[in-house]
C-alpha cells in the first residue's frame, strides 16, 4: 500500500508501551514477533512471592507516562507523542524486609491516552509542544491498539510483575542507604532500589530493570521513577517506513508515580 505525500507531511512519530504508530494509513506491518538483538524471553525467571502487607494501587492518584520520539530523515514532519495511563491497577506487597517487597500491576491498554493537552503543557519542552492535531492523536491511538503493535482486542492488558529488588548503584556498599531502607519495613522509610520487572506484552514475556524511589508511611506506599526502555526489549518492533526515512526511535522514556494504600487506609480514595 502506498503512503501519499500529503499523508507523509502529517504523519506523527509513533509509540508504545511500547507503543508506536501513525495517524495516516500505513503499509501492512507484520505482527510483532521476536526482535533481532533483543533480550531473550524471561519466562524462566520466577516472579517474587507475595509477602507482607498488601497495598492496593490507587488508580486516580497514580500516573504512568511514556514519551515516544520521532526519528529518520523525515522526523521533522512528525510529532513526538506522550502516552499516559490513569487507570493502573494492582497490588504492592511490603514485608518487614523491604528488599523482599513485590508487586503485580496491570495496564488496561484501552485506557491509554495519547497527547493529553494538559500533560503536554506540563512538559515545558519544545519536544512536546501543547498543540497536536486531533487527527494525529486519534490516528496514533488507533494504530497503537491495532494488530501491528499492541493488538489490544486480543491482548487487553499489559502485566508487570516484580522478579526481585536490588540495591541501587549509589547505595551499593552503603549500609545506611541500602540496609536502613531495607529494614524499615512497612512502618515507614524511604529509599531507592533497582526493580527487575517481568513484562508481558502481547503474550511475550520479557524482563527490564528500572530504578524506583519509594516512600513508606502509615498505611501507604508511594513509588516513582523514570528510565529509558526500548520497544525491542518488550518484544515490539519500532515502526519504520520509506526505507527508514520516517521511523519511531526504539528508545522511549517511561515515567511513573504510583500510590498504593492498605485496605484500612483507603477511605474515600479515588480508584
Protein backbone atom coordinates (compact mmCIF):
# COMPACT_ATOMS: atom_id res chain seq x y z
CA UNK A 1 0.00 0.00 0.00
CA UNK A 2 1.37 3.38 -0.98
CA UNK A 3 1.60 6.23 1.50
CA UNK A 4 0.64 9.53 -0.13
CA UNK A 5 2.83 12.61 0.03
CA UNK A 6 0.12 14.57 1.82
CA UNK A 7 -0.11 11.85 4.42
CA UNK A 8 3.62 11.86 4.98
CA UNK A 9 3.56 15.55 5.84
CA UNK A 10 1.23 14.96 8.78
CA UNK A 11 2.40 11.55 9.93
CA UNK A 12 3.19 11.60 13.66
CA UNK A 13 6.05 9.84 15.36
CA UNK A 14 4.90 6.51 16.87
CA UNK A 15 4.61 4.71 20.19
CA UNK A 16 4.27 2.00 22.93
CA UNK A 17 4.09 0.54 25.92
CA UNK A 18 5.62 0.03 23.80
CA UNK A 19 3.88 1.86 21.58
CA UNK A 20 4.06 3.17 18.13
CA UNK A 21 2.03 4.36 15.28
CA UNK A 22 0.91 6.85 12.83
CA UNK A 23 -2.17 8.93 12.11
CA UNK A 24 -2.08 8.05 8.41
CA UNK A 25 -2.75 4.75 6.67
CA UNK A 26 0.41 2.67 6.78
CA UNK A 27 1.81 -0.14 4.68
CA UNK A 28 0.95 -3.59 6.07
CA UNK A 29 3.03 -4.35 9.14
CA UNK A 30 3.64 -7.88 10.34
CA UNK A 31 2.52 -8.68 13.88
CA UNK A 32 5.22 -8.18 16.46
CA UNK A 33 7.42 -11.23 16.99
CA UNK A 34 10.96 -11.97 18.13
CA UNK A 35 13.17 -8.93 17.55
CA UNK A 36 16.73 -9.46 16.36
CA UNK A 37 19.22 -8.49 19.04
CA UNK A 38 16.57 -8.19 21.76
CA UNK A 39 17.00 -9.91 25.15
CA UNK A 40 15.66 -13.48 25.31
CA UNK A 41 12.24 -14.05 26.89
CA UNK A 42 12.25 -14.01 30.68
CA UNK A 43 9.76 -16.84 31.20
CA UNK A 44 12.37 -18.85 33.11
CA UNK A 45 12.58 -16.15 35.80
CA UNK A 46 10.08 -16.71 38.59
CA UNK A 47 8.22 -13.67 39.94
CA UNK A 48 8.92 -12.82 43.57
CA UNK A 49 6.50 -14.34 46.08
CA UNK A 50 3.93 -12.02 47.61
CA UNK A 51 4.83 -11.48 51.26
CA UNK A 52 3.80 -8.95 53.86
CA UNK A 53 1.14 -6.26 53.90
CA UNK A 54 -0.84 -5.76 50.65
CA UNK A 55 -1.35 -2.22 49.37
CA UNK A 56 -3.83 -1.66 46.53
CA UNK A 57 -2.78 0.76 43.79
CA UNK A 58 -4.98 3.87 43.75
CA UNK A 59 -5.58 4.50 40.06
CA UNK A 60 -6.81 8.06 40.50
CA UNK A 61 -3.59 9.10 42.24
CA UNK A 62 -1.18 7.17 40.05
CA UNK A 63 0.19 8.11 36.63
CA UNK A 64 2.27 6.30 34.02
CA UNK A 65 3.67 8.28 31.09
CA UNK A 66 5.62 7.13 28.04
CA UNK A 67 7.45 9.59 25.81
CA UNK A 68 7.90 8.33 22.26
CA UNK A 69 10.24 10.10 19.87
CA UNK A 70 10.23 10.52 16.09
CA UNK A 71 13.27 9.58 14.03
CA UNK A 72 14.62 9.35 10.50
CA UNK A 73 15.41 12.00 7.94
CA UNK A 74 11.73 13.00 7.76
CA UNK A 75 11.38 13.28 11.52
CA UNK A 76 10.57 16.98 11.33
CA UNK A 77 7.34 16.12 9.50
CA UNK A 78 6.00 14.19 12.50
CA UNK A 79 5.45 14.56 16.23
CA UNK A 80 6.82 13.17 19.44
CA UNK A 81 3.99 11.58 21.42
CA UNK A 82 3.11 11.46 25.10
CA UNK A 83 1.23 8.32 26.10
CA UNK A 84 -0.41 8.26 29.54
CA UNK A 85 -2.34 5.94 31.82
CA UNK A 86 -4.55 6.98 34.74
CA UNK A 87 -6.04 3.50 35.26
CA UNK A 88 -3.21 1.37 36.60
CA UNK A 89 -4.43 -1.44 38.85
CA UNK A 90 -2.68 -3.97 41.04
CA UNK A 91 -1.17 -4.60 44.44
CA UNK A 92 2.15 -3.90 46.16
CA UNK A 93 3.24 -6.28 48.93
CA UNK A 94 5.59 -4.96 51.63
CA UNK A 95 7.15 -7.28 54.25
CA UNK A 96 9.35 -6.18 57.15
CA UNK A 97 12.41 -6.53 54.91
CA UNK A 98 11.59 -4.06 52.13
CA UNK A 99 14.10 -5.73 49.84
CA UNK A 100 11.66 -8.65 49.63
CA UNK A 101 8.77 -6.43 48.52
CA UNK A 102 6.89 -7.45 45.37
CA UNK A 103 4.11 -6.22 43.15
CA UNK A 104 1.80 -7.12 40.31
CA UNK A 105 0.31 -4.35 38.18
CA UNK A 106 -1.91 -4.33 35.12
CA UNK A 107 -2.15 -1.79 32.32
CA UNK A 108 -5.53 -1.87 30.52
CA UNK A 109 -4.36 -0.84 27.05
CA UNK A 110 -7.77 0.55 26.07
CA UNK A 111 -7.31 3.18 28.79
CA UNK A 112 -4.05 4.53 27.33
CA UNK A 113 -4.38 8.15 26.22
CA UNK A 114 -2.38 9.99 23.58
CA UNK A 115 -1.16 13.57 23.87
CA UNK A 116 -3.40 14.96 26.59
CA UNK A 117 -3.08 18.72 26.23
CA UNK A 118 -2.62 19.29 29.98
CA UNK A 119 0.19 16.72 30.22
CA UNK A 120 2.00 18.09 27.19
CA UNK A 121 1.75 21.59 28.63
CA UNK A 122 3.30 20.36 31.88
CA UNK A 123 6.33 19.12 29.95
CA UNK A 124 7.50 22.71 29.32
CA UNK A 125 9.62 21.28 26.50
CA UNK A 126 9.99 22.18 22.82
CA UNK A 127 9.97 18.44 22.15
CA UNK A 128 6.35 18.29 23.31
CA UNK A 129 4.51 21.48 22.27
CA UNK A 130 0.97 21.62 23.65
CA UNK A 131 -0.87 21.54 20.33
CA UNK A 132 -1.11 18.27 18.41
CA UNK A 133 -3.69 17.91 15.62
CA UNK A 134 -6.69 15.77 16.55
CA UNK A 135 -6.08 13.55 13.53
CA UNK A 136 -2.55 12.82 14.72
CA UNK A 137 -3.71 11.92 18.24
CA UNK A 138 -6.61 9.77 17.10
CA UNK A 139 -4.61 8.01 14.40
CA UNK A 140 -1.74 7.33 16.78
CA UNK A 141 -4.02 5.77 19.36
CA UNK A 142 -5.87 3.70 16.76
CA UNK A 143 -2.65 2.27 15.37
CA UNK A 144 -1.18 1.78 18.86
CA UNK A 145 -4.05 -0.52 19.77
CA UNK A 146 -4.07 -2.22 16.36
CA UNK A 147 -2.64 -5.54 15.27
CA UNK A 148 0.69 -4.03 14.20
CA UNK A 149 1.56 -3.08 17.74
CA UNK A 150 -0.38 -3.91 20.92
CA UNK A 151 -3.23 -5.91 19.34
CA UNK A 152 -5.50 -4.56 22.05
CA UNK A 153 -8.58 -6.64 21.26
CA UNK A 154 -6.67 -9.90 21.73
CA UNK A 155 -4.35 -8.61 24.45
CA UNK A 156 -6.35 -6.20 26.62
CA UNK A 157 -3.72 -5.93 29.37
CA UNK A 158 -0.01 -5.46 29.85
CA UNK A 159 1.11 -7.21 33.02
CA UNK A 160 4.06 -6.15 35.20
CA UNK A 161 5.40 -8.44 37.93
CA UNK A 162 8.32 -8.00 40.31
CA UNK A 163 11.11 -10.52 39.85
CA UNK A 164 13.40 -9.06 42.51
CA UNK A 165 14.66 -5.83 44.04
CA UNK A 166 18.36 -4.98 44.07
CA UNK A 167 20.36 -2.19 45.75
CA UNK A 168 20.70 0.91 43.59
CA UNK A 169 24.30 1.66 42.48
CA UNK A 170 24.50 4.71 44.75
CA UNK A 171 23.58 2.53 47.71
CA UNK A 172 25.94 -0.34 46.92
CA UNK A 173 28.22 -0.87 49.87
CA UNK A 174 26.37 1.78 51.86
CA UNK A 175 24.71 0.01 54.75
CA UNK A 176 23.00 3.19 55.85
CA UNK A 177 21.30 3.70 52.49
CA UNK A 178 20.59 0.14 51.43
CA UNK A 179 20.35 -1.63 54.76
CA UNK A 180 18.49 1.12 56.57
CA UNK A 181 15.85 1.38 53.89
CA UNK A 182 15.61 -2.37 53.65
CA UNK A 183 14.93 -2.86 57.33
CA UNK A 184 12.49 -0.02 57.84
CA UNK A 185 9.62 -2.30 56.88
CA UNK A 186 6.01 -1.29 56.47
CA UNK A 187 6.23 1.13 59.40
CA UNK A 188 7.93 3.81 57.32
CA UNK A 189 11.06 4.83 55.46
CA UNK A 190 12.42 5.92 52.10
CA UNK A 191 14.94 4.50 49.70
CA UNK A 192 15.90 3.68 46.12
CA UNK A 193 16.19 0.24 44.57
CA UNK A 194 16.56 -1.33 41.14
CA UNK A 195 13.44 -3.30 40.30
CA UNK A 196 13.77 -6.24 37.96
CA UNK A 197 10.36 -6.36 36.30
CA UNK A 198 8.79 -9.12 34.24
CA UNK A 199 6.71 -7.64 31.42
CA UNK A 200 4.01 -9.46 29.47
CA UNK A 201 3.14 -7.59 26.27
CA UNK A 202 1.17 -9.37 23.52
CA UNK A 203 1.78 -12.62 25.43
CA UNK A 204 5.53 -12.05 25.03
CA UNK A 205 7.34 -12.35 28.37
CA UNK A 206 10.48 -10.24 28.83
CA UNK A 207 12.30 -8.51 31.69
CA UNK A 208 13.56 -4.97 32.20
CA UNK A 209 15.26 -3.14 35.08
CA UNK A 210 14.11 0.27 36.32
CA UNK A 211 15.16 2.45 39.28
CA UNK A 212 12.44 3.01 41.86
CA UNK A 213 12.38 5.56 44.67
CA UNK A 214 9.89 4.68 47.37
CA UNK A 215 8.37 6.15 50.48
CA UNK A 216 6.59 4.13 53.14
CA UNK A 217 4.24 5.91 55.51
CA UNK A 218 1.42 4.77 57.75
CA UNK A 219 -0.92 2.82 55.51
CA UNK A 220 0.55 3.94 52.19
CA UNK A 221 3.32 3.35 49.68
CA UNK A 222 4.48 5.82 47.03
CA UNK A 223 6.86 4.70 44.29
CA UNK A 224 8.26 6.79 41.45
CA UNK A 225 10.92 6.64 38.80
CA UNK A 226 11.99 7.32 35.24
CA UNK A 227 14.04 5.20 32.87
CA UNK A 228 14.75 4.59 29.18
CA UNK A 229 13.01 1.48 27.84
CA UNK A 230 13.48 0.12 24.35
CA UNK A 231 10.48 -1.18 22.47
CA UNK A 232 12.57 -4.11 21.31
CA UNK A 233 13.17 -5.03 24.98
CA UNK A 234 9.41 -5.55 25.24
CA UNK A 235 9.30 -7.73 22.14
CA UNK A 236 7.96 -4.97 19.88
CA UNK A 237 9.30 -3.76 16.55
CA UNK A 238 9.58 0.04 16.20
CA UNK A 239 7.65 1.46 13.27
CA UNK A 240 9.64 2.35 10.17
CA UNK A 241 8.56 3.43 6.69
CA UNK A 242 10.01 4.82 3.48
CA UNK A 243 13.27 2.89 3.88
CA UNK A 244 13.75 4.32 7.35
CA UNK A 245 13.23 7.96 6.41
CA UNK A 246 10.21 8.00 8.69
CA UNK A 247 10.51 5.98 11.87
CA UNK A 248 9.98 5.84 15.59
CA UNK A 249 13.02 5.62 17.82
CA UNK A 250 13.41 2.32 19.63
CA UNK A 251 14.15 4.03 22.95
CA UNK A 252 11.31 5.61 24.92
CA UNK A 253 11.28 7.40 28.30
CA UNK A 254 8.97 5.85 30.85
CA UNK A 255 7.98 7.75 33.99
CA UNK A 256 5.68 6.69 36.79
CA UNK A 257 4.28 7.73 40.12
CA UNK A 258 2.33 5.03 41.91
CA UNK A 259 0.32 5.49 45.10
CA UNK A 260 -0.94 2.41 46.94
CA UNK A 261 -2.83 2.13 50.21
CA UNK A 262 -3.56 -0.65 52.67
CA UNK A 263 -7.20 -1.69 52.89
CA UNK A 264 -7.83 0.20 56.11
CA UNK A 265 -6.26 3.43 54.81
CA UNK A 266 -8.13 3.85 51.52
CA UNK A 267 -11.20 5.61 52.88
CA UNK A 268 -12.59 7.85 50.21
CA UNK A 269 -9.55 7.49 47.94
CA UNK A 270 -10.42 7.53 44.24
CA UNK A 271 -9.93 4.32 42.24
